[in-house]
PDB file of N, CA and C in Angstrom:
ATOM      1  N   MET A   1       6.784   6.968  -8.833  1.00  0.00           N
ATOM      2  CA  MET A   1       8.178   7.092  -8.448  1.00  0.00           C
ATOM      3  C   MET A   1       9.037   6.176  -9.317  1.00  0.00           C
ATOM      4  N   THR A   2      10.273   6.530  -9.416  1.00  0.00           N
ATOM      5  CA  THR A   2      11.181   5.717 -10.214  1.00  0.00           C
ATOM      6  C   THR A   2      11.723   4.558  -9.384  1.00  0.00           C
ATOM      7  N   LYS A   3      12.071   3.501 -10.051  1.00  0.00           N
ATOM      8  CA  LYS A   3      12.664   2.337  -9.388  1.00  0.00           C
ATOM      9  C   LYS A   3      14.174   2.427  -9.567  1.00  0.00           C
ATOM     10  N   ILE A   4      14.887   1.989  -8.535  1.00  0.00           N
ATOM     11  CA  ILE A   4      16.344   1.975  -8.598  1.00  0.00           C
ATOM     12  C   ILE A   4      16.840   0.594  -8.194  1.00  0.00           C
ATOM     13  N   ARG A   5      17.978   0.208  -8.768  1.00  0.00           N
ATOM     14  CA  ARG A   5      18.637  -1.060  -8.428  1.00  0.00           C
ATOM     15  C   ARG A   5      19.903  -0.709  -7.656  1.00  0.00           C
ATOM     16  N   ILE A   6      20.047  -1.320  -6.490  1.00  0.00           N
ATOM     17  CA  ILE A   6      21.190  -1.066  -5.618  1.00  0.00           C
ATOM     18  C   ILE A   6      22.009  -2.340  -5.537  1.00  0.00           C
ATOM     19  N   THR A   7      23.307  -2.254  -5.842  1.00  0.00           N
ATOM     20  CA  THR A   7      24.204  -3.405  -5.828  1.00  0.00           C
ATOM     21  C   THR A   7      25.389  -3.096  -4.931  1.00  0.00           C
ATOM     22  N   GLN A   8      25.708  -4.009  -4.008  1.00  0.00           N
ATOM     23  CA  GLN A   8      26.875  -3.823  -3.148  1.00  0.00           C
ATOM     24  C   GLN A   8      28.127  -4.172  -3.940  1.00  0.00           C
ATOM     25  N   ILE A   9      29.082  -3.236  -3.989  1.00  0.00           N
ATOM     26  CA  ILE A   9      30.304  -3.460  -4.765  1.00  0.00           C
ATOM     27  C   ILE A   9      31.553  -3.521  -3.891  1.00  0.00           C
ATOM     28  N   LYS A  10      31.444  -3.082  -2.620  1.00  0.00           N
ATOM     29  CA  LYS A  10      32.573  -3.146  -1.693  1.00  0.00           C
ATOM     30  C   LYS A  10      32.127  -3.844  -0.422  1.00  0.00           C
ATOM     31  N   SER A  11      33.085  -4.440   0.270  1.00  0.00           N
ATOM     32  CA  SER A  11      32.802  -5.174   1.491  1.00  0.00           C
ATOM     33  C   SER A  11      32.389  -4.233   2.617  1.00  0.00           C
ATOM     34  N   LYS A  12      31.510  -4.733   3.486  1.00  0.00           N
ATOM     35  CA  LYS A  12      31.087  -3.939   4.639  1.00  0.00           C
ATOM     36  C   LYS A  12      32.003  -4.152   5.845  1.00  0.00           C
ATOM     37  N   ILE A  13      33.023  -5.005   5.701  1.00  0.00           N
ATOM     38  CA  ILE A  13      33.996  -5.199   6.779  1.00  0.00           C
ATOM     39  C   ILE A  13      34.726  -3.874   7.004  1.00  0.00           C
ATOM     40  N   GLY A  14      34.797  -3.446   8.234  1.00  0.00           N
ATOM     41  CA  GLY A  14      35.453  -2.193   8.561  1.00  0.00           C
ATOM     42  C   GLY A  14      34.525  -1.000   8.529  1.00  0.00           C
ATOM     43  N   SER A  15      33.272  -1.202   8.129  1.00  0.00           N
ATOM     44  CA  SER A  15      32.303  -0.117   8.123  1.00  0.00           C
ATOM     45  C   SER A  15      31.753   0.095   9.527  1.00  0.00           C
ATOM     46  N   THR A  16      31.132   1.240   9.734  1.00  0.00           N
ATOM     47  CA  THR A  16      30.533   1.520  11.032  1.00  0.00           C
ATOM     48  C   THR A  16      29.256   0.703  11.194  1.00  0.00           C
ATOM     49  N   LYS A  17      28.796   0.593  12.433  1.00  0.00           N
ATOM     50  CA  LYS A  17      27.577  -0.167  12.707  1.00  0.00           C
ATOM     51  C   LYS A  17      26.384   0.454  11.976  1.00  0.00           C
ATOM     52  N   ARG A  18      26.355   1.778  11.907  1.00  0.00           N
ATOM     53  CA  ARG A  18      25.260   2.467  11.229  1.00  0.00           C
ATOM     54  C   ARG A  18      25.213   2.111   9.739  1.00  0.00           C
ATOM     55  N   GLN A  19      26.382   2.017   9.114  1.00  0.00           N
ATOM     56  CA  GLN A  19      26.437   1.663   7.692  1.00  0.00           C
ATOM     57  C   GLN A  19      26.003   0.216   7.484  1.00  0.00           C
ATOM     58  N   LYS A  20      26.430  -0.695   8.365  1.00  0.00           N
ATOM     59  CA  LYS A  20      26.023  -2.095   8.256  1.00  0.00           C
ATOM     60  C   LYS A  20      24.518  -2.237   8.415  1.00  0.00           C
ATOM     61  N   LEU A  21      23.932  -1.480   9.343  1.00  0.00           N
ATOM     62  CA  LEU A  21      22.488  -1.534   9.544  1.00  0.00           C
ATOM     63  C   LEU A  21      21.739  -0.955   8.346  1.00  0.00           C
ATOM     64  N   SER A  22      22.310   0.063   7.701  1.00  0.00           N
ATOM     65  CA  SER A  22      21.680   0.628   6.502  1.00  0.00           C
ATOM     66  C   SER A  22      21.662  -0.390   5.371  1.00  0.00           C
ATOM     67  N   LEU A  23      22.766  -1.123   5.186  1.00  0.00           N
ATOM     68  CA  LEU A  23      22.796  -2.168   4.157  1.00  0.00           C
ATOM     69  C   LEU A  23      21.763  -3.247   4.455  1.00  0.00           C
ATOM     70  N   GLU A  24      21.669  -3.638   5.726  1.00  0.00           N
ATOM     71  CA  GLU A  24      20.702  -4.661   6.110  1.00  0.00           C
ATOM     72  C   GLU A  24      19.267  -4.175   5.884  1.00  0.00           C
ATOM     73  N   ALA A  25      19.004  -2.915   6.201  1.00  0.00           N
ATOM     74  CA  ALA A  25      17.670  -2.351   6.011  1.00  0.00           C
ATOM     75  C   ALA A  25      17.305  -2.261   4.528  1.00  0.00           C
ATOM     76  N   LEU A  26      18.308  -2.058   3.681  1.00  0.00           N
ATOM     77  CA  LEU A  26      18.050  -2.031   2.239  1.00  0.00           C
ATOM     78  C   LEU A  26      17.792  -3.428   1.686  1.00  0.00           C
ATOM     79  N   GLY A  27      18.163  -4.458   2.438  1.00  0.00           N
ATOM     80  CA  GLY A  27      17.946  -5.833   1.991  1.00  0.00           C
ATOM     81  C   GLY A  27      19.141  -6.441   1.299  1.00  0.00           C
ATOM     82  N   ILE A  28      20.282  -5.782   1.396  1.00  0.00           N
ATOM     83  CA  ILE A  28      21.497  -6.280   0.756  1.00  0.00           C
ATOM     84  C   ILE A  28      22.180  -7.252   1.712  1.00  0.00           C
ATOM     85  N   ARG A  29      22.438  -8.475   1.243  1.00  0.00           N
ATOM     86  CA  ARG A  29      22.960  -9.522   2.109  1.00  0.00           C
ATOM     87  C   ARG A  29      24.459  -9.767   1.950  1.00  0.00           C
ATOM     88  N   LYS A  30      24.972  -9.673   0.726  1.00  0.00           N
ATOM     89  CA  LYS A  30      26.371 -10.001   0.499  1.00  0.00           C
ATOM     90  C   LYS A  30      26.879  -9.261  -0.729  1.00  0.00           C
ATOM     91  N   MET A  31      28.154  -9.424  -1.021  1.00  0.00           N
ATOM     92  CA  MET A  31      28.770  -8.760  -2.162  1.00  0.00           C
ATOM     93  C   MET A  31      28.054  -9.130  -3.467  1.00  0.00           C
ATOM     94  N   ASN A  32      27.929  -8.161  -4.349  1.00  0.00           N
ATOM     95  CA  ASN A  32      27.310  -8.301  -5.667  1.00  0.00           C
ATOM     96  C   ASN A  32      25.840  -8.681  -5.605  1.00  0.00           C
ATOM     97  N   HIS A  33      25.217  -8.535  -4.441  1.00  0.00           N
ATOM     98  CA  HIS A  33      23.778  -8.791  -4.297  1.00  0.00           C
ATOM     99  C   HIS A  33      23.048  -7.511  -4.690  1.00  0.00           C
ATOM    100  N   SER A  34      21.997  -7.643  -5.498  1.00  0.00           N
ATOM    101  CA  SER A  34      21.230  -6.490  -5.961  1.00  0.00           C
ATOM    102  C   SER A  34      19.805  -6.550  -5.430  1.00  0.00           C
ATOM    103  N   VAL A  35      19.267  -5.380  -5.136  1.00  0.00           N
ATOM    104  CA  VAL A  35      17.868  -5.258  -4.735  1.00  0.00           C
ATOM    105  C   VAL A  35      17.270  -4.088  -5.498  1.00  0.00           C
ATOM    106  N   GLU A  36      15.951  -4.112  -5.655  1.00  0.00           N
ATOM    107  CA  GLU A  36      15.247  -3.029  -6.332  1.00  0.00           C
ATOM    108  C   GLU A  36      14.279  -2.388  -5.356  1.00  0.00           C
ATOM    109  N   HIS A  37      14.269  -1.052  -5.347  1.00  0.00           N
ATOM    110  CA  HIS A  37      13.395  -0.291  -4.465  1.00  0.00           C
ATOM    111  C   HIS A  37      12.831   0.901  -5.224  1.00  0.00           C
ATOM    112  N   GLU A  38      11.728   1.442  -4.697  1.00  0.00           N
ATOM    113  CA  GLU A  38      11.219   2.717  -5.173  1.00  0.00           C
ATOM    114  C   GLU A  38      12.147   3.808  -4.640  1.00  0.00           C
ATOM    115  N   ALA A  39      12.336   4.858  -5.403  1.00  0.00           N
ATOM    116  CA  ALA A  39      13.234   5.945  -4.994  1.00  0.00           C
ATOM    117  C   ALA A  39      12.461   6.941  -4.132  1.00  0.00           C
ATOM    118  N   ASN A  40      12.279   6.605  -2.842  1.00  0.00           N
ATOM    119  CA  ASN A  40      11.625   7.531  -1.923  1.00  0.00           C
ATOM    120  C   ASN A  40      12.673   8.145  -0.991  1.00  0.00           C
ATOM    121  N   PRO A  41      12.331   9.170  -0.237  1.00  0.00           N
ATOM    122  CA  PRO A  41      13.330   9.856   0.597  1.00  0.00           C
ATOM    123  C   PRO A  41      14.015   8.952   1.613  1.00  0.00           C
ATOM    124  N   GLN A  42      13.316   7.977   2.172  1.00  0.00           N
ATOM    125  CA  GLN A  42      13.924   7.080   3.157  1.00  0.00           C
ATOM    126  C   GLN A  42      15.002   6.218   2.516  1.00  0.00           C
ATOM    127  N   ILE A  43      14.720   5.644   1.368  1.00  0.00           N
ATOM    128  CA  ILE A  43      15.680   4.794   0.666  1.00  0.00           C
ATOM    129  C   ILE A  43      16.882   5.628   0.202  1.00  0.00           C
ATOM    130  N   LEU A  44      16.627   6.810  -0.328  1.00  0.00           N
ATOM    131  CA  LEU A  44      17.716   7.673  -0.792  1.00  0.00           C
ATOM    132  C   LEU A  44      18.610   8.107   0.361  1.00  0.00           C
ATOM    133  N   GLY A  45      18.040   8.294   1.556  1.00  0.00           N
ATOM    134  CA  GLY A  45      18.846   8.637   2.725  1.00  0.00           C
ATOM    135  C   GLY A  45      19.756   7.499   3.134  1.00  0.00           C
ATOM    136  N   MET A  46      19.238   6.256   3.084  1.00  0.00           N
ATOM    137  CA  MET A  46      20.064   5.096   3.423  1.00  0.00           C
ATOM    138  C   MET A  46      21.180   4.919   2.402  1.00  0.00           C
ATOM    139  N   ILE A  47      20.867   5.157   1.136  1.00  0.00           N
ATOM    140  CA  ILE A  47      21.886   5.049   0.083  1.00  0.00           C
ATOM    141  C   ILE A  47      22.974   6.092   0.297  1.00  0.00           C
ATOM    142  N   ALA A  48      22.594   7.284   0.733  1.00  0.00           N
ATOM    143  CA  ALA A  48      23.585   8.343   0.959  1.00  0.00           C
ATOM    144  C   ALA A  48      24.586   7.948   2.036  1.00  0.00           C
ATOM    145  N   LYS A  49      24.156   7.171   3.035  1.00  0.00           N
ATOM    146  CA  LYS A  49      25.051   6.745   4.115  1.00  0.00           C
ATOM    147  C   LYS A  49      26.059   5.695   3.652  1.00  0.00           C
ATOM    148  N   VAL A  50      25.723   4.931   2.608  1.00  0.00           N
ATOM    149  CA  VAL A  50      26.599   3.843   2.159  1.00  0.00           C
ATOM    150  C   VAL A  50      26.976   3.987   0.681  1.00  0.00           C
ATOM    151  N   ARG A  51      26.976   5.204   0.176  1.00  0.00           N
ATOM    152  CA  ARG A  51      27.213   5.411  -1.261  1.00  0.00           C
ATOM    153  C   ARG A  51      28.576   4.937  -1.719  1.00  0.00           C
ATOM    154  N   HIS A  52      29.548   4.836  -0.797  1.00  0.00           N
ATOM    155  CA  HIS A  52      30.881   4.353  -1.166  1.00  0.00           C
ATOM    156  C   HIS A  52      30.933   2.824  -1.234  1.00  0.00           C
ATOM    157  N   LEU A  53      29.884   2.138  -0.778  1.00  0.00           N
ATOM    158  CA  LEU A  53      29.845   0.677  -0.790  1.00  0.00           C
ATOM    159  C   LEU A  53      28.930   0.111  -1.873  1.00  0.00           C
ATOM    160  N   VAL A  54      28.096   0.947  -2.471  1.00  0.00           N
ATOM    161  CA  VAL A  54      27.078   0.459  -3.399  1.00  0.00           C
ATOM    162  C   VAL A  54      27.137   1.187  -4.735  1.00  0.00           C
ATOM    163  N   LYS A  55      26.520   0.541  -5.730  1.00  0.00           N
ATOM    164  CA  LYS A  55      26.328   1.132  -7.059  1.00  0.00           C
ATOM    165  C   LYS A  55      24.814   1.274  -7.249  1.00  0.00           C
ATOM    166  N   VAL A  56      24.369   2.428  -7.708  1.00  0.00           N
ATOM    167  CA  VAL A  56      22.944   2.694  -7.863  1.00  0.00           C
ATOM    168  C   VAL A  56      22.646   2.925  -9.338  1.00  0.00           C
ATOM    169  N   GLU A  57      21.642   2.200  -9.853  1.00  0.00           N
ATOM    170  CA  GLU A  57      21.229   2.348 -11.255  1.00  0.00           C
ATOM    171  C   GLU A  57      19.728   2.623 -11.286  1.00  0.00           C
ATOM    172  N   GLU A  58      19.336   3.529 -12.156  1.00  0.00           N
ATOM    173  CA  GLU A  58      17.915   3.792 -12.341  1.00  0.00           C
ATOM    174  C   GLU A  58      17.357   2.779 -13.342  1.00  0.00           C
ATOM    175  N   ILE A  59      16.202   2.234 -13.043  1.00  0.00           N
ATOM    176  CA  ILE A  59      15.601   1.224 -13.921  1.00  0.00           C
ATOM    177  C   ILE A  59      14.557   1.885 -14.797  1.00  0.00           C
TER     178      ILE A  59
END
């Protein structure tokens, strides 16, 4: 599987509880924090819920 880097680019203030929990599940703690994950269906689903808050790059 391919690896992807996820970086939070917008604040989670004002987001729904579901979106905040998705960011937490991805391991993103604060603005401009990046994490790397394998691109599996579970991770891609979480990214889809918060795509307006994050930047995704393929490694």
